[in-house]
Amino acid sequence: MESAECRSTSGETARCTCTLKITERDAAGMDQGTWYVSARAEAEDGDTVYVPRAATFDVTH
């Protein structure tokens, strides 16, 4: 991804829009709809936190 346009939606969130340049074949194989990004973070003291839906993105064709 070369760039994205983002705007704040609240004090803690933003909505970003980008366009990916992929082949028609790749696009056809990618399911449309909402996708979720999970994240696991580890602190220096070894404590961890898992966020099952740290971010979402919508795929459209």
PDB file of N, CA and C in Angstrom:
ATOM      1  N   MET A   1       0.840  -1.151   0.000  1.00  0.00           N
ATOM      2  CA  MET A   1       0.000   0.000   0.000  1.00  0.00           C
ATOM      3  C   MET A   1       0.897   1.229   0.000  1.00  0.00           C
ATOM      4  N   GLU A   2       0.641   2.128  -0.908  1.00  0.00           N
ATOM      5  CA  GLU A   2       1.464   3.328  -1.018  1.00  0.00           C
ATOM      6  C   GLU A   2       1.028   4.422  -0.060  1.00  0.00           C
ATOM      7  N   SER A   3      -0.272   4.614   0.103  1.00  0.00           N
ATOM      8  CA  SER A   3      -0.750   5.654   1.005  1.00  0.00           C
ATOM      9  C   SER A   3      -2.199   5.386   1.368  1.00  0.00           C
ATOM     10  N   ALA A   4      -2.649   6.058   2.412  1.00  0.00           N
ATOM     11  CA  ALA A   4      -4.033   5.953   2.854  1.00  0.00           C
ATOM     12  C   ALA A   4      -4.501   7.322   3.309  1.00  0.00           C
ATOM     13  N   GLU A   5      -5.777   7.577   3.124  1.00  0.00           N
ATOM     14  CA  GLU A   5      -6.377   8.806   3.619  1.00  0.00           C
ATOM     15  C   GLU A   5      -7.125   8.454   4.894  1.00  0.00           C
ATOM     16  N   CYS A   6      -6.790   9.131   5.997  1.00  0.00           N
ATOM     17  CA  CYS A   6      -7.386   8.825   7.291  1.00  0.00           C
ATOM     18  C   CYS A   6      -8.092  10.043   7.870  1.00  0.00           C
ATOM     19  N   ARG A   7      -9.174   9.770   8.626  1.00  0.00           N
ATOM     20  CA  ARG A   7      -9.856  10.832   9.361  1.00  0.00           C
ATOM     21  C   ARG A   7     -10.265  10.274  10.716  1.00  0.00           C
ATOM     22  N   SER A   8     -10.232  11.112  11.736  1.00  0.00           N
ATOM     23  CA  SER A   8     -10.619  10.697  13.081  1.00  0.00           C
ATOM     24  C   SER A   8     -12.117  10.446  13.135  1.00  0.00           C
ATOM     25  N   THR A   9     -12.495   9.379  13.835  1.00  0.00           N
ATOM     26  CA  THR A   9     -13.906   9.107  14.062  1.00  0.00           C
ATOM     27  C   THR A   9     -14.268   9.264  15.529  1.00  0.00           C
ATOM     28  N   SER A  10     -13.249   9.294  16.389  1.00  0.00           N
ATOM     29  CA  SER A  10     -13.423   9.548  17.819  1.00  0.00           C
ATOM     30  C   SER A  10     -12.049   9.884  18.379  1.00  0.00           C
ATOM     31  N   GLY A  11     -11.969  10.046  19.688  1.00  0.00           N
ATOM     32  CA  GLY A  11     -10.687  10.334  20.311  1.00  0.00           C
ATOM     33  C   GLY A  11      -9.700   9.182  20.243  1.00  0.00           C
ATOM     34  N   GLU A  12     -10.201   7.971  19.979  1.00  0.00           N
ATOM     35  CA  GLU A  12      -9.345   6.787  19.981  1.00  0.00           C
ATOM     36  C   GLU A  12      -9.312   6.035  18.656  1.00  0.00           C
ATOM     37  N   THR A  13     -10.140   6.423  17.709  1.00  0.00           N
ATOM     38  CA  THR A  13     -10.203   5.665  16.464  1.00  0.00           C
ATOM     39  C   THR A  13     -10.121   6.577  15.244  1.00  0.00           C
ATOM     40  N   ALA A  14      -9.763   5.965  14.129  1.00  0.00           N
ATOM     41  CA  ALA A  14      -9.714   6.675  12.851  1.00  0.00           C
ATOM     42  C   ALA A  14     -10.211   5.726  11.770  1.00  0.00           C
ATOM     43  N   ARG A  15     -10.680   6.289  10.681  1.00  0.00           N
ATOM     44  CA  ARG A  15     -11.084   5.496   9.519  1.00  0.00           C
ATOM     45  C   ARG A  15     -10.179   5.887   8.368  1.00  0.00           C
ATOM     46  N   CYS A  16      -9.530   4.877   7.796  1.00  0.00           N
ATOM     47  CA  CYS A  16      -8.594   5.110   6.698  1.00  0.00           C
ATOM     48  C   CYS A  16      -9.107   4.409   5.443  1.00  0.00           C
ATOM     49  N   THR A  17      -8.885   5.031   4.311  1.00  0.00           N
ATOM     50  CA  THR A  17      -9.279   4.472   3.024  1.00  0.00           C
ATOM     51  C   THR A  17      -8.049   4.387   2.134  1.00  0.00           C
ATOM     52  N   CYS A  18      -7.890   3.235   1.484  1.00  0.00           N
ATOM     53  CA  CYS A  18      -6.771   3.074   0.561  1.00  0.00           C
ATOM     54  C   CYS A  18      -7.226   2.209  -0.607  1.00  0.00           C
ATOM     55  N   THR A  19      -6.473   2.255  -1.660  1.00  0.00           N
ATOM     56  CA  THR A  19      -6.743   1.428  -2.828  1.00  0.00           C
ATOM     57  C   THR A  19      -5.513   0.581  -3.102  1.00  0.00           C
ATOM     58  N   LEU A  20      -5.724  -0.725  -3.173  1.00  0.00           N
ATOM     59  CA  LEU A  20      -4.628  -1.644  -3.480  1.00  0.00           C
ATOM     60  C   LEU A  20      -4.628  -1.937  -4.967  1.00  0.00           C
ATOM     61  N   LYS A  21      -3.460  -2.000  -5.544  1.00  0.00           N
ATOM     62  CA  LYS A  21      -3.328  -2.359  -6.947  1.00  0.00           C
ATOM     63  C   LYS A  21      -2.971  -3.839  -7.019  1.00  0.00           C
ATOM     64  N   ILE A  22      -3.981  -4.659  -7.363  1.00  0.00           N
ATOM     65  CA  ILE A  22      -3.779  -6.097  -7.481  1.00  0.00           C
ATOM     66  C   ILE A  22      -4.405  -6.560  -8.790  1.00  0.00           C
ATOM     67  N   THR A  23      -4.096  -7.790  -9.164  1.00  0.00           N
ATOM     68  CA  THR A  23      -4.630  -8.327 -10.410  1.00  0.00           C
ATOM     69  C   THR A  23      -6.105  -8.688 -10.238  1.00  0.00           C
ATOM     70  N   GLU A  24      -6.818  -8.784 -11.361  1.00  0.00           N
ATOM     71  CA  GLU A  24      -8.221  -9.198 -11.315  1.00  0.00           C
ATOM     72  C   GLU A  24      -8.346 -10.591 -10.711  1.00  0.00           C
ATOM     73  N   ARG A  25      -7.398 -11.446 -11.002  1.00  0.00           N
ATOM     74  CA  ARG A  25      -7.424 -12.812 -10.466  1.00  0.00           C
ATOM     75  C   ARG A  25      -7.299 -12.790  -8.947  1.00  0.00           C
ATOM     76  N   ASP A  26      -6.362 -11.993  -8.419  1.00  0.00           N
ATOM     77  CA  ASP A  26      -6.216 -11.886  -6.969  1.00  0.00           C
ATOM     78  C   ASP A  26      -7.477 -11.305  -6.335  1.00  0.00           C
ATOM     79  N   ALA A  27      -8.047 -10.292  -6.963  1.00  0.00           N
ATOM     80  CA  ALA A  27      -9.261  -9.663  -6.430  1.00  0.00           C
ATOM     81  C   ALA A  27     -10.420 -10.652  -6.395  1.00  0.00           C
ATOM     82  N   ALA A  28     -10.539 -11.470  -7.428  1.00  0.00           N
ATOM     83  CA  ALA A  28     -11.627 -12.445  -7.489  1.00  0.00           C
ATOM     84  C   ALA A  28     -11.522 -13.473  -6.365  1.00  0.00           C
ATOM     85  N   GLY A  29     -10.311 -13.769  -5.936  1.00  0.00           N
ATOM     86  CA  GLY A  29     -10.112 -14.750  -4.881  1.00  0.00           C
ATOM     87  C   GLY A  29     -10.211 -14.195  -3.476  1.00  0.00           C
ATOM     88  N   MET A  30     -10.376 -12.897  -3.346  1.00  0.00           N
ATOM     89  CA  MET A  30     -10.434 -12.259  -2.032  1.00  0.00           C
ATOM     90  C   MET A  30     -11.888 -12.036  -1.628  1.00  0.00           C
ATOM     91  N   ASP A  31     -12.286 -12.619  -0.502  1.00  0.00           N
ATOM     92  CA  ASP A  31     -13.659 -12.465  -0.034  1.00  0.00           C
ATOM     93  C   ASP A  31     -13.954 -11.018   0.321  1.00  0.00           C
ATOM     94  N   GLN A  32     -15.120 -10.535  -0.103  1.00  0.00           N
ATOM     95  CA  GLN A  32     -15.565  -9.194   0.253  1.00  0.00           C
ATOM     96  C   GLN A  32     -16.134  -9.222   1.670  1.00  0.00           C
ATOM     97  N   GLY A  33     -16.198  -8.061   2.285  1.00  0.00           N
ATOM     98  CA  GLY A  33     -16.801  -7.952   3.612  1.00  0.00           C
ATOM     99  C   GLY A  33     -15.820  -7.411   4.626  1.00  0.00           C
ATOM    100  N   THR A  34     -16.194  -7.549   5.885  1.00  0.00           N
ATOM    101  CA  THR A  34     -15.374  -7.038   6.982  1.00  0.00           C
ATOM    102  C   THR A  34     -14.369  -8.092   7.423  1.00  0.00           C
ATOM    103  N   TRP A  35     -13.126  -7.693   7.540  1.00  0.00           N
ATOM    104  CA  TRP A  35     -12.043  -8.538   8.029  1.00  0.00           C
ATOM    105  C   TRP A  35     -11.548  -7.947   9.340  1.00  0.00           C
ATOM    106  N   TYR A  36     -10.975  -8.781  10.197  1.00  0.00           N
ATOM    107  CA  TYR A  36     -10.494  -8.340  11.505  1.00  0.00           C
ATOM    108  C   TYR A  36      -9.009  -8.652  11.663  1.00  0.00           C
ATOM    109  N   VAL A  37      -8.307  -7.747  12.323  1.00  0.00           N
ATOM    110  CA  VAL A  37      -6.888  -7.923  12.621  1.00  0.00           C
ATOM    111  C   VAL A  37      -6.759  -8.163  14.117  1.00  0.00           C
ATOM    112  N   SER A  38      -6.109  -9.256  14.506  1.00  0.00           N
ATOM    113  CA  SER A  38      -5.845  -9.551  15.916  1.00  0.00           C
ATOM    114  C   SER A  38      -4.439  -9.103  16.264  1.00  0.00           C
ATOM    115  N   ALA A  39      -4.223  -8.785  17.538  1.00  0.00           N
ATOM    116  CA  ALA A  39      -2.889  -8.342  17.962  1.00  0.00           C
ATOM    117  C   ALA A  39      -2.554  -8.925  19.327  1.00  0.00           C
ATOM    118  N   ARG A  40      -1.301  -9.310  19.485  1.00  0.00           N
ATOM    119  CA  ARG A  40      -0.776  -9.755  20.773  1.00  0.00           C
ATOM    120  C   ARG A  40       0.450  -8.908  21.053  1.00  0.00           C
ATOM    121  N   ALA A  41       0.465  -8.274  22.221  1.00  0.00           N
ATOM    122  CA  ALA A  41       1.600  -7.419  22.584  1.00  0.00           C
ATOM    123  C   ALA A  41       2.233  -7.951  23.859  1.00  0.00           C
ATOM    124  N   GLU A  42       3.563  -7.818  23.949  1.00  0.00           N
ATOM    125  CA  GLU A  42       4.296  -8.275  25.126  1.00  0.00           C
ATOM    126  C   GLU A  42       5.122  -7.125  25.678  1.00  0.00           C
ATOM    127  N   ALA A  43       4.986  -6.892  26.986  1.00  0.00           N
ATOM    128  CA  ALA A  43       5.743  -5.838  27.661  1.00  0.00           C
ATOM    129  C   ALA A  43       7.141  -6.346  28.012  1.00  0.00           C
ATOM    130  N   GLU A  44       8.027  -5.428  28.369  1.00  0.00           N
ATOM    131  CA  GLU A  44       9.393  -5.818  28.743  1.00  0.00           C
ATOM    132  C   GLU A  44       9.410  -6.761  29.934  1.00  0.00           C
ATOM    133  N   ASP A  45       8.409  -6.648  30.833  1.00  0.00           N
ATOM    134  CA  ASP A  45       8.372  -7.520  32.010  1.00  0.00           C
ATOM    135  C   ASP A  45       7.748  -8.883  31.707  1.00  0.00           C
ATOM    136  N   GLY A  46       7.372  -9.123  30.452  1.00  0.00           N
ATOM    137  CA  GLY A  46       6.820 -10.404  30.049  1.00  0.00           C
ATOM    138  C   GLY A  46       5.303 -10.470  30.070  1.00  0.00           C
ATOM    139  N   ASP A  47       4.649  -9.457  30.615  1.00  0.00           N
ATOM    140  CA  ASP A  47       3.191  -9.427  30.625  1.00  0.00           C
ATOM    141  C   ASP A  47       2.692  -9.324  29.186  1.00  0.00           C
ATOM    142  N   THR A  48       1.586  -9.983  28.884  1.00  0.00           N
ATOM    143  CA  THR A  48       1.054  -9.950  27.524  1.00  0.00           C
ATOM    144  C   THR A  48      -0.414  -9.545  27.534  1.00  0.00           C
ATOM    145  N   VAL A  49      -0.849  -9.053  26.409  1.00  0.00           N
ATOM    146  CA  VAL A  49      -2.258  -8.733  26.205  1.00  0.00           C
ATOM    147  C   VAL A  49      -2.620  -9.158  24.786  1.00  0.00           C
ATOM    148  N   TYR A  50      -3.821  -9.693  24.640  1.00  0.00           N
ATOM    149  CA  TYR A  50      -4.317 -10.119  23.335  1.00  0.00           C
ATOM    150  C   TYR A  50      -5.597  -9.347  23.032  1.00  0.00           C
ATOM    151  N   VAL A  51      -5.661  -8.761  21.858  1.00  0.00           N
ATOM    152  CA  VAL A  51      -6.853  -8.033  21.423  1.00  0.00           C
ATOM    153  C   VAL A  51      -7.371  -8.747  20.175  1.00  0.00           C
ATOM    154  N   PRO A  52      -8.493  -9.472  20.289  1.00  0.00           N
ATOM    155  CA  PRO A  52      -8.967 -10.254  19.153  1.00  0.00           C
ATOM    156  C   PRO A  52      -9.416  -9.420  17.958  1.00  0.00           C
ATOM    157  N   ARG A  53      -9.872  -8.198  18.196  1.00  0.00           N
ATOM    158  CA  ARG A  53     -10.288  -7.321  17.098  1.00  0.00           C
ATOM    159  C   ARG A  53      -9.642  -5.956  17.280  1.00  0.00           C
ATOM    160  N   ALA A  54      -8.337  -5.920  17.079  1.00  0.00           N
ATOM    161  CA  ALA A  54      -7.583  -4.676  17.252  1.00  0.00           C
ATOM    162  C   ALA A  54      -7.882  -3.684  16.139  1.00  0.00           C
ATOM    163  N   ALA A  55      -8.229  -4.190  14.975  1.00  0.00           N
ATOM    164  CA  ALA A  55      -8.554  -3.329  13.835  1.00  0.00           C
ATOM    165  C   ALA A  55      -9.486  -4.091  12.908  1.00  0.00           C
ATOM    166  N   THR A  56     -10.242  -3.360  12.132  1.00  0.00           N
ATOM    167  CA  THR A  56     -11.100  -3.969  11.122  1.00  0.00           C
ATOM    168  C   THR A  56     -10.843  -3.293   9.786  1.00  0.00           C
ATOM    169  N   PHE A  57     -11.109  -4.017   8.733  1.00  0.00           N
ATOM    170  CA  PHE A  57     -11.072  -3.389   7.418  1.00  0.00           C
ATOM    171  C   PHE A  57     -12.113  -4.050   6.530  1.00  0.00           C
ATOM    172  N   ASP A  58     -12.653  -3.267   5.615  1.00  0.00           N
ATOM    173  CA  ASP A  58     -13.681  -3.741   4.697  1.00  0.00           C
ATOM    174  C   ASP A  58     -13.085  -3.913   3.311  1.00  0.00           C
ATOM    175  N   VAL A  59     -13.344  -5.058   2.719  1.00  0.00           N
ATOM    176  CA  VAL A  59     -12.874  -5.335   1.363  1.00  0.00           C
ATOM    177  C   VAL A  59     -14.059  -5.203   0.417  1.00  0.00           C
ATOM    178  N   THR A  60     -13.904  -4.349  -0.590  1.00  0.00           N
ATOM    179  CA  THR A  60     -14.916  -4.206  -1.636  1.00  0.00           C
ATOM    180  C   THR A  60     -14.235  -4.371  -2.984  1.00  0.00           C
ATOM    181  N   HIS A  61     -14.993  -4.736  -3.975  1.00  0.00           N
ATOM    182  CA  HIS A  61     -14.442  -4.895  -5.329  1.00  0.00           C
ATOM    183  C   HIS A  61     -14.949  -3.787  -6.198  1.00  0.00           C
TER     184      HIS A  61
END
